[in-house]
Amino acid sequence: MDGMAGLFEGGDQGSKAASEAEITKLHAKIGQLVVERNFLAKASGR
């Protein structure tokens, strides 16, 4: 019951750090996929 208010106030620092790490990981994956798409488009003559 002590930490219940924190759930509605934006969460704790641990969950924020985990979501920041997940966002960073997803941005890196998006960048990788964009590079691969551009390479394949160039290789196929588009």
N, C-alpha and C. Protein backbone atom coordinates (compact mmCIF):
# COMPACT_ATOMS: atom_id res chain seq x y z
N MET A 1 0.83 -1.20 0.00
CA MET A 1 0.00 0.00 0.00
C MET A 1 0.87 1.26 0.00
N ASP A 2 2.10 1.15 0.50
CA ASP A 2 2.94 2.34 0.61
C ASP A 2 3.32 2.91 -0.76
N GLY A 3 3.56 2.05 -1.74
CA GLY A 3 4.01 2.52 -3.05
C GLY A 3 2.90 2.69 -4.07
N MET A 4 1.67 2.54 -3.67
CA MET A 4 0.55 2.61 -4.61
C MET A 4 0.42 3.98 -5.27
N ALA A 5 0.70 5.03 -4.54
CA ALA A 5 0.60 6.38 -5.11
C ALA A 5 1.60 6.56 -6.25
N GLY A 6 2.76 5.92 -6.14
CA GLY A 6 3.79 6.02 -7.17
C GLY A 6 3.35 5.43 -8.50
N LEU A 7 2.44 4.46 -8.47
CA LEU A 7 1.94 3.86 -9.70
C LEU A 7 1.18 4.86 -10.55
N PHE A 8 0.52 5.78 -9.90
CA PHE A 8 -0.30 6.75 -10.61
C PHE A 8 0.42 8.07 -10.85
N GLU A 9 1.62 8.20 -10.31
CA GLU A 9 2.39 9.43 -10.47
C GLU A 9 3.49 9.30 -11.51
N GLY A 10 3.43 8.28 -12.34
CA GLY A 10 4.43 8.14 -13.38
C GLY A 10 5.40 7.01 -13.15
N GLY A 11 5.26 6.26 -12.09
CA GLY A 11 6.12 5.11 -11.86
C GLY A 11 7.40 5.44 -11.14
N ASP A 12 8.21 4.42 -10.93
CA ASP A 12 9.47 4.61 -10.23
C ASP A 12 10.61 4.74 -11.23
N GLN A 13 11.78 5.03 -10.72
CA GLN A 13 12.95 5.25 -11.57
C GLN A 13 13.39 3.98 -12.29
N GLY A 14 13.19 2.83 -11.66
CA GLY A 14 13.60 1.57 -12.27
C GLY A 14 12.83 1.28 -13.55
N SER A 15 11.54 1.52 -13.53
CA SER A 15 10.74 1.27 -14.73
C SER A 15 11.03 2.30 -15.81
N LYS A 16 11.34 3.53 -15.40
CA LYS A 16 11.70 4.56 -16.38
C LYS A 16 13.00 4.20 -17.06
N ALA A 17 13.97 3.71 -16.30
CA ALA A 17 15.25 3.33 -16.87
C ALA A 17 15.08 2.15 -17.82
N ALA A 18 14.23 1.20 -17.45
CA ALA A 18 13.99 0.05 -18.31
C ALA A 18 13.32 0.47 -19.60
N SER A 19 12.36 1.38 -19.53
CA SER A 19 11.70 1.81 -20.77
C SER A 19 12.64 2.66 -21.62
N GLU A 20 13.51 3.45 -21.00
CA GLU A 20 14.50 4.22 -21.76
C GLU A 20 15.45 3.28 -22.49
N ALA A 21 15.86 2.21 -21.83
CA ALA A 21 16.76 1.24 -22.45
C ALA A 21 16.05 0.54 -23.61
N GLU A 22 14.79 0.22 -23.44
CA GLU A 22 14.02 -0.43 -24.50
C GLU A 22 13.85 0.51 -25.69
N ILE A 23 13.60 1.78 -25.44
CA ILE A 23 13.46 2.76 -26.51
C ILE A 23 14.77 2.90 -27.27
N THR A 24 15.88 2.95 -26.56
CA THR A 24 17.19 3.05 -27.21
C THR A 24 17.45 1.83 -28.09
N LYS A 25 17.12 0.65 -27.56
CA LYS A 25 17.30 -0.59 -28.32
C LYS A 25 16.42 -0.59 -29.59
N LEU A 26 15.19 -0.12 -29.47
CA LEU A 26 14.29 -0.09 -30.62
C LEU A 26 14.74 0.93 -31.67
N HIS A 27 15.26 2.07 -31.22
CA HIS A 27 15.78 3.06 -32.17
C HIS A 27 16.97 2.49 -32.94
N ALA A 28 17.83 1.74 -32.26
CA ALA A 28 18.97 1.11 -32.94
C ALA A 28 18.48 0.11 -33.97
N LYS A 29 17.47 -0.67 -33.64
CA LYS A 29 16.94 -1.66 -34.57
C LYS A 29 16.31 -0.97 -35.78
N ILE A 30 15.58 0.12 -35.55
CA ILE A 30 14.98 0.87 -36.65
C ILE A 30 16.07 1.38 -37.59
N GLY A 31 17.14 1.91 -37.02
CA GLY A 31 18.25 2.40 -37.84
C GLY A 31 18.87 1.30 -38.67
N GLN A 32 19.04 0.14 -38.07
CA GLN A 32 19.60 -1.00 -38.80
C GLN A 32 18.69 -1.40 -39.96
N LEU A 33 17.39 -1.45 -39.71
CA LEU A 33 16.46 -1.85 -40.76
C LEU A 33 16.39 -0.84 -41.89
N VAL A 34 16.52 0.44 -41.58
CA VAL A 34 16.52 1.47 -42.62
C VAL A 34 17.75 1.32 -43.50
N VAL A 35 18.90 1.07 -42.88
CA VAL A 35 20.13 0.88 -43.66
C VAL A 35 20.00 -0.33 -44.57
N GLU A 36 19.46 -1.43 -44.03
CA GLU A 36 19.29 -2.64 -44.85
C GLU A 36 18.31 -2.39 -45.99
N ARG A 37 17.23 -1.70 -45.72
CA ARG A 37 16.24 -1.41 -46.76
C ARG A 37 16.87 -0.56 -47.86
N ASN A 38 17.61 0.45 -47.48
CA ASN A 38 18.24 1.32 -48.48
C ASN A 38 19.26 0.55 -49.31
N PHE A 39 20.03 -0.32 -48.67
CA PHE A 39 21.00 -1.13 -49.39
C PHE A 39 20.32 -2.03 -50.39
N LEU A 40 19.26 -2.72 -49.95
CA LEU A 40 18.57 -3.63 -50.85
C LEU A 40 17.86 -2.91 -51.99
N ALA A 41 17.33 -1.72 -51.70
CA ALA A 41 16.69 -0.94 -52.76
C ALA A 41 17.71 -0.51 -53.81
N LYS A 42 18.90 -0.11 -53.33
CA LYS A 42 19.96 0.31 -54.24
C LYS A 42 20.46 -0.88 -55.06
N ALA A 43 20.59 -2.03 -54.42
CA ALA A 43 21.09 -3.23 -55.09
C ALA A 43 20.11 -3.75 -56.14
N SER A 44 18.83 -3.51 -55.91
CA SER A 44 17.83 -4.01 -56.86
C SER A 44 17.56 -3.00 -57.98
N GLY A 45 18.17 -1.83 -57.91
CA GLY A 45 18.05 -0.85 -58.99
C GLY A 45 16.88 0.10 -58.82
N ARG A 46 16.32 0.20 -57.66
CA ARG A 46 15.20 1.13 -57.45
C ARG A 46 15.66 2.49 -57.11
